[in-house]
Amino acid sequence: MAILRQYHNLPIEFKRSIPHPVEAFEIDPDFPHTFRPRIHENNQEIENTSWKCRDDLREADWEGSLGVGCVNERSGNFVATSFPEGKLDRNIPMTYLSEYAFIHDGRLLYGW
């Protein structure tokens, strides 16, 4: 589908995201740079939700280890990078559920 000429150079207005930190580009030369990825401006709060899920599982006497979930030190939280313009009140529960799903999936597949 062709993009009409009048729509080709329209500026995109970002309301809830910031450009991805430059350090990620310097650390990993394979990091994509055909476009500048964005991350949610409240990435830290979203990441804290992942840690909250892990803490809740420990308190509930989760048996086995807690495999790697949505938290990634280099690229940021999975939900914060996948939905950088998402509303925070929707990204928070999605992060919690995603973290639980990653951990639960690891337990079922790999026996963590």
N, C-alpha and C. Protein backbone atom coordinates (compact mmCIF):
# COMPACT_ATOMS: atom_id res chain seq x y z
N MET A 1 0.85 -1.17 0.00
CA MET A 1 0.00 0.00 0.00
C MET A 1 0.89 1.23 0.00
N ALA A 2 0.69 2.08 -0.95
CA ALA A 2 1.50 3.30 -1.07
C ALA A 2 1.03 4.36 -0.10
N ILE A 3 1.97 5.12 0.42
CA ILE A 3 1.65 6.23 1.31
C ILE A 3 1.48 7.48 0.46
N LEU A 4 0.36 8.13 0.62
CA LEU A 4 0.12 9.35 -0.14
C LEU A 4 1.17 10.39 0.19
N ARG A 5 1.54 11.17 -0.82
CA ARG A 5 2.60 12.16 -0.67
C ARG A 5 2.33 13.13 0.48
N GLN A 6 1.09 13.57 0.65
CA GLN A 6 0.81 14.57 1.69
C GLN A 6 0.99 14.00 3.10
N TYR A 7 0.98 12.67 3.25
CA TYR A 7 1.15 12.08 4.57
C TYR A 7 2.58 11.61 4.84
N HIS A 8 3.43 11.68 3.85
CA HIS A 8 4.77 11.11 3.95
C HIS A 8 5.64 11.75 5.03
N ASN A 9 5.61 13.06 5.18
CA ASN A 9 6.50 13.75 6.11
C ASN A 9 5.79 14.36 7.31
N LEU A 10 4.65 13.83 7.67
CA LEU A 10 3.96 14.37 8.84
C LEU A 10 4.76 14.06 10.09
N PRO A 11 4.94 15.05 10.96
CA PRO A 11 5.67 14.77 12.20
C PRO A 11 4.83 13.90 13.14
N ILE A 12 5.49 12.99 13.81
CA ILE A 12 4.81 12.14 14.78
C ILE A 12 4.97 12.78 16.14
N GLU A 13 3.87 12.92 16.85
CA GLU A 13 3.91 13.52 18.18
C GLU A 13 3.94 12.41 19.22
N PHE A 14 5.01 12.37 19.98
CA PHE A 14 5.16 11.39 21.05
C PHE A 14 4.71 12.01 22.36
N LYS A 15 3.82 11.33 23.06
CA LYS A 15 3.27 11.88 24.30
C LYS A 15 3.82 11.20 25.55
N ARG A 16 4.13 9.90 25.46
CA ARG A 16 4.49 9.15 26.66
C ARG A 16 5.83 8.43 26.56
N SER A 17 6.62 8.72 25.54
CA SER A 17 7.86 7.97 25.38
C SER A 17 9.04 8.91 25.17
N ILE A 18 10.22 8.34 25.40
CA ILE A 18 11.47 9.07 25.20
C ILE A 18 12.35 8.23 24.28
N PRO A 19 13.33 8.83 23.61
CA PRO A 19 14.24 8.03 22.80
C PRO A 19 14.98 7.02 23.67
N HIS A 20 15.23 5.87 23.11
CA HIS A 20 15.94 4.82 23.85
C HIS A 20 17.32 5.34 24.22
N PRO A 21 17.82 5.02 25.42
CA PRO A 21 19.13 5.51 25.84
C PRO A 21 20.24 5.14 24.86
N VAL A 22 21.14 6.06 24.65
CA VAL A 22 22.22 5.89 23.68
C VAL A 22 23.17 4.77 24.09
N GLU A 23 23.32 4.51 25.39
CA GLU A 23 24.27 3.49 25.85
C GLU A 23 24.01 2.14 25.20
N ALA A 24 22.76 1.82 24.93
CA ALA A 24 22.44 0.52 24.32
C ALA A 24 23.07 0.40 22.94
N PHE A 25 23.16 1.50 22.22
CA PHE A 25 23.78 1.47 20.89
C PHE A 25 25.29 1.27 21.02
N GLU A 26 25.89 1.83 22.05
CA GLU A 26 27.34 1.73 22.23
C GLU A 26 27.77 0.36 22.73
N ILE A 27 26.94 -0.29 23.53
CA ILE A 27 27.27 -1.59 24.11
C ILE A 27 27.18 -2.70 23.07
N ASP A 28 26.12 -2.69 22.29
CA ASP A 28 25.86 -3.79 21.36
C ASP A 28 25.85 -3.28 19.93
N PRO A 29 26.85 -3.63 19.12
CA PRO A 29 26.89 -3.14 17.74
C PRO A 29 25.78 -3.71 16.87
N ASP A 30 25.15 -4.81 17.30
CA ASP A 30 24.06 -5.40 16.53
C ASP A 30 22.70 -4.80 16.87
N PHE A 31 22.68 -3.86 17.81
CA PHE A 31 21.42 -3.22 18.18
C PHE A 31 20.87 -2.50 16.95
N PRO A 32 19.57 -2.63 16.67
CA PRO A 32 19.04 -2.02 15.44
C PRO A 32 19.14 -0.50 15.45
N HIS A 33 19.68 0.05 14.38
CA HIS A 33 19.70 1.50 14.32
C HIS A 33 19.25 2.04 12.97
N THR A 34 18.33 1.34 12.33
CA THR A 34 17.70 1.93 11.16
C THR A 34 16.64 2.93 11.60
N PHE A 35 16.20 2.82 12.81
CA PHE A 35 15.30 3.80 13.41
C PHE A 35 15.69 3.91 14.87
N ARG A 36 15.31 4.99 15.48
CA ARG A 36 15.64 5.19 16.90
C ARG A 36 14.50 4.65 17.75
N PRO A 37 14.69 3.52 18.42
CA PRO A 37 13.62 2.98 19.26
C PRO A 37 13.27 3.93 20.39
N ARG A 38 12.07 3.77 20.88
CA ARG A 38 11.60 4.60 21.99
C ARG A 38 11.24 3.69 23.15
N ILE A 39 11.23 4.28 24.33
CA ILE A 39 10.90 3.54 25.55
C ILE A 39 9.95 4.41 26.36
N HIS A 40 9.08 3.79 27.11
CA HIS A 40 8.09 4.54 27.89
C HIS A 40 8.80 5.46 28.88
N GLU A 41 8.28 6.66 29.05
CA GLU A 41 8.92 7.62 29.95
C GLU A 41 8.92 7.16 31.40
N ASN A 42 8.00 6.28 31.76
CA ASN A 42 7.94 5.73 33.12
C ASN A 42 8.49 4.31 33.16
N ASN A 43 9.56 4.08 32.42
CA ASN A 43 10.16 2.76 32.33
C ASN A 43 10.50 2.20 33.71
N GLN A 44 11.01 3.03 34.60
CA GLN A 44 11.41 2.54 35.92
C GLN A 44 10.21 2.02 36.71
N GLU A 45 9.10 2.71 36.62
CA GLU A 45 7.90 2.26 37.32
C GLU A 45 7.38 0.94 36.72
N ILE A 46 7.47 0.83 35.41
CA ILE A 46 7.05 -0.40 34.74
C ILE A 46 7.99 -1.54 35.13
N GLU A 47 9.28 -1.26 35.18
CA GLU A 47 10.24 -2.28 35.57
C GLU A 47 10.03 -2.71 37.02
N ASN A 48 9.69 -1.77 37.89
CA ASN A 48 9.42 -2.10 39.29
C ASN A 48 8.25 -3.08 39.41
N THR A 49 7.30 -3.00 38.47
CA THR A 49 6.17 -3.93 38.48
C THR A 49 6.65 -5.35 38.23
N SER A 50 7.64 -5.51 37.35
CA SER A 50 8.21 -6.84 37.12
C SER A 50 8.83 -7.38 38.39
N TRP A 51 9.57 -6.52 39.09
CA TRP A 51 10.20 -6.96 40.35
C TRP A 51 9.13 -7.25 41.41
N LYS A 52 8.03 -6.51 41.40
CA LYS A 52 6.94 -6.75 42.34
C LYS A 52 6.34 -8.13 42.11
N CYS A 53 6.16 -8.50 40.85
CA CYS A 53 5.65 -9.84 40.53
C CYS A 53 6.58 -10.91 41.07
N ARG A 54 7.87 -10.72 40.89
CA ARG A 54 8.86 -11.68 41.38
C ARG A 54 8.80 -11.78 42.91
N ASP A 55 8.69 -10.62 43.58
CA ASP A 55 8.58 -10.62 45.04
C ASP A 55 7.31 -11.33 45.50
N ASP A 56 6.20 -11.09 44.79
CA ASP A 56 4.94 -11.74 45.15
C ASP A 56 5.04 -13.26 45.01
N LEU A 57 5.74 -13.71 43.97
CA LEU A 57 5.91 -15.16 43.79
C LEU A 57 6.77 -15.75 44.91
N ARG A 58 7.80 -15.04 45.32
CA ARG A 58 8.64 -15.53 46.42
C ARG A 58 7.82 -15.61 47.71
N GLU A 59 7.00 -14.58 47.96
CA GLU A 59 6.16 -14.57 49.16
C GLU A 59 5.13 -15.70 49.14
N ALA A 60 4.72 -16.10 47.94
CA ALA A 60 3.73 -17.17 47.81
C ALA A 60 4.40 -18.54 47.79
N ASP A 61 5.68 -18.59 48.19
CA ASP A 61 6.44 -19.84 48.24
C ASP A 61 6.52 -20.53 46.89
N TRP A 62 6.85 -19.74 45.87
CA TRP A 62 7.05 -20.29 44.53
C TRP A 62 8.17 -21.32 44.58
N GLU A 63 7.92 -22.50 44.08
CA GLU A 63 8.93 -23.55 44.08
C GLU A 63 9.74 -23.47 42.80
N GLY A 64 11.01 -23.51 42.91
CA GLY A 64 11.89 -23.42 41.75
C GLY A 64 12.45 -22.02 41.61
N SER A 65 13.33 -21.88 40.64
CA SER A 65 13.96 -20.57 40.44
C SER A 65 13.06 -19.68 39.61
N LEU A 66 13.33 -18.40 39.67
CA LEU A 66 12.59 -17.42 38.88
C LEU A 66 13.44 -17.08 37.67
N GLY A 67 13.10 -17.65 36.53
CA GLY A 67 13.86 -17.41 35.31
C GLY A 67 13.76 -15.97 34.85
N VAL A 68 14.53 -15.66 33.84
CA VAL A 68 14.53 -14.30 33.29
C VAL A 68 13.16 -14.01 32.71
N GLY A 69 12.61 -12.89 33.10
CA GLY A 69 11.30 -12.49 32.60
C GLY A 69 11.41 -11.28 31.69
N CYS A 70 10.68 -10.25 32.02
CA CYS A 70 10.58 -9.06 31.17
C CYS A 70 11.71 -8.06 31.41
N VAL A 71 12.47 -8.20 32.47
CA VAL A 71 13.50 -7.23 32.80
C VAL A 71 14.76 -7.53 32.00
N ASN A 72 15.26 -6.53 31.31
CA ASN A 72 16.47 -6.67 30.53
C ASN A 72 17.30 -5.42 30.74
N GLU A 73 18.50 -5.56 31.28
CA GLU A 73 19.31 -4.40 31.64
C GLU A 73 19.72 -3.55 30.44
N ARG A 74 19.87 -4.18 29.28
CA ARG A 74 20.34 -3.42 28.12
C ARG A 74 19.22 -2.78 27.32
N SER A 75 18.14 -3.51 27.09
CA SER A 75 17.11 -2.96 26.22
C SER A 75 15.91 -2.42 26.96
N GLY A 76 15.85 -2.59 28.26
CA GLY A 76 14.72 -2.08 29.02
C GLY A 76 13.65 -3.15 29.20
N ASN A 77 12.60 -2.79 29.87
CA ASN A 77 11.52 -3.70 30.15
C ASN A 77 10.77 -4.04 28.86
N PHE A 78 10.33 -5.28 28.74
CA PHE A 78 9.64 -5.75 27.54
C PHE A 78 8.44 -4.88 27.18
N VAL A 79 7.57 -4.60 28.14
CA VAL A 79 6.36 -3.83 27.87
C VAL A 79 6.70 -2.37 27.58
N ALA A 80 7.68 -1.82 28.29
CA ALA A 80 8.05 -0.41 28.09
C ALA A 80 8.62 -0.17 26.70
N THR A 81 9.28 -1.17 26.13
CA THR A 81 9.83 -1.02 24.78
C THR A 81 8.84 -1.46 23.71
N SER A 82 7.96 -2.40 24.04
CA SER A 82 6.97 -2.84 23.05
C SER A 82 5.83 -1.85 22.89
N PHE A 83 5.46 -1.19 23.97
CA PHE A 83 4.35 -0.24 23.94
C PHE A 83 4.79 1.09 24.55
N PRO A 84 5.72 1.79 23.89
CA PRO A 84 6.26 3.02 24.48
C PRO A 84 5.24 4.14 24.62
N GLU A 85 4.18 4.10 23.83
CA GLU A 85 3.16 5.14 23.92
C GLU A 85 1.92 4.67 24.68
N GLY A 86 2.01 3.49 25.29
CA GLY A 86 0.87 2.95 26.03
C GLY A 86 0.61 3.75 27.30
N LYS A 87 -0.64 3.74 27.73
CA LYS A 87 -0.99 4.43 28.98
C LYS A 87 -0.42 3.63 30.15
N LEU A 88 0.11 4.34 31.11
CA LEU A 88 0.76 3.69 32.25
C LEU A 88 -0.20 2.77 33.00
N ASP A 89 -1.45 3.20 33.19
CA ASP A 89 -2.40 2.38 33.94
C ASP A 89 -2.76 1.09 33.19
N ARG A 90 -2.41 1.00 31.92
CA ARG A 90 -2.61 -0.24 31.17
C ARG A 90 -1.32 -1.04 31.06
N ASN A 91 -0.20 -0.34 31.02
CA ASN A 91 1.09 -1.04 30.92
C ASN A 91 1.45 -1.76 32.21
N ILE A 92 1.06 -1.21 33.35
CA ILE A 92 1.39 -1.82 34.65
C ILE A 92 0.80 -3.23 34.78
N PRO A 93 -0.53 -3.41 34.61
CA PRO A 93 -1.04 -4.78 34.74
C PRO A 93 -0.53 -5.71 33.64
N MET A 94 -0.31 -5.17 32.44
CA MET A 94 0.22 -6.00 31.36
C MET A 94 1.63 -6.46 31.70
N THR A 95 2.41 -5.61 32.34
CA THR A 95 3.76 -5.99 32.75
C THR A 95 3.72 -7.10 33.79
N TYR A 96 2.85 -6.95 34.77
CA TYR A 96 2.73 -7.96 35.83
C TYR A 96 2.36 -9.31 35.23
N LEU A 97 1.36 -9.31 34.35
CA LEU A 97 0.93 -10.56 33.73
C LEU A 97 2.00 -11.15 32.81
N SER A 98 2.69 -10.29 32.08
CA SER A 98 3.76 -10.76 31.19
C SER A 98 4.89 -11.39 31.99
N GLU A 99 5.26 -10.74 33.09
CA GLU A 99 6.33 -11.28 33.93
C GLU A 99 5.94 -12.65 34.48
N TYR A 100 4.72 -12.74 34.97
CA TYR A 100 4.24 -14.03 35.48
C TYR A 100 4.24 -15.08 34.37
N ALA A 101 3.78 -14.70 33.19
CA ALA A 101 3.71 -15.65 32.07
C ALA A 101 5.10 -16.14 31.67
N PHE A 102 6.09 -15.24 31.61
CA PHE A 102 7.45 -15.64 31.28
C PHE A 102 7.98 -16.65 32.31
N ILE A 103 7.78 -16.34 33.58
CA ILE A 103 8.29 -17.22 34.64
C ILE A 103 7.56 -18.56 34.64
N HIS A 104 6.24 -18.52 34.52
CA HIS A 104 5.44 -19.75 34.51
C HIS A 104 5.78 -20.60 33.29
N ASP A 105 5.97 -19.96 32.14
CA ASP A 105 6.32 -20.68 30.93
C ASP A 105 7.68 -21.37 31.09
N GLY A 106 8.62 -20.68 31.71
CA GLY A 106 9.93 -21.27 31.95
C GLY A 106 9.84 -22.48 32.86
N ARG A 107 8.96 -22.40 33.82
CA ARG A 107 8.80 -23.54 34.73
C ARG A 107 8.20 -24.73 34.01
N LEU A 108 7.20 -24.48 33.17
CA LEU A 108 6.56 -25.59 32.46
C LEU A 108 7.48 -26.21 31.41
N LEU A 109 8.20 -25.36 30.67
CA LEU A 109 9.04 -25.87 29.59
C LEU A 109 10.36 -26.44 30.07
N TYR A 110 10.98 -25.75 31.02
CA TYR A 110 12.35 -26.10 31.40
C TYR A 110 12.47 -26.63 32.82
N GLY A 111 11.38 -26.62 33.57
CA GLY A 111 11.40 -27.13 34.93
C GLY A 111 12.16 -26.27 35.92
N TRP A 112 12.19 -24.94 35.68
CA TRP A 112 12.91 -24.03 36.60
C TRP A 112 12.30 -24.09 37.97
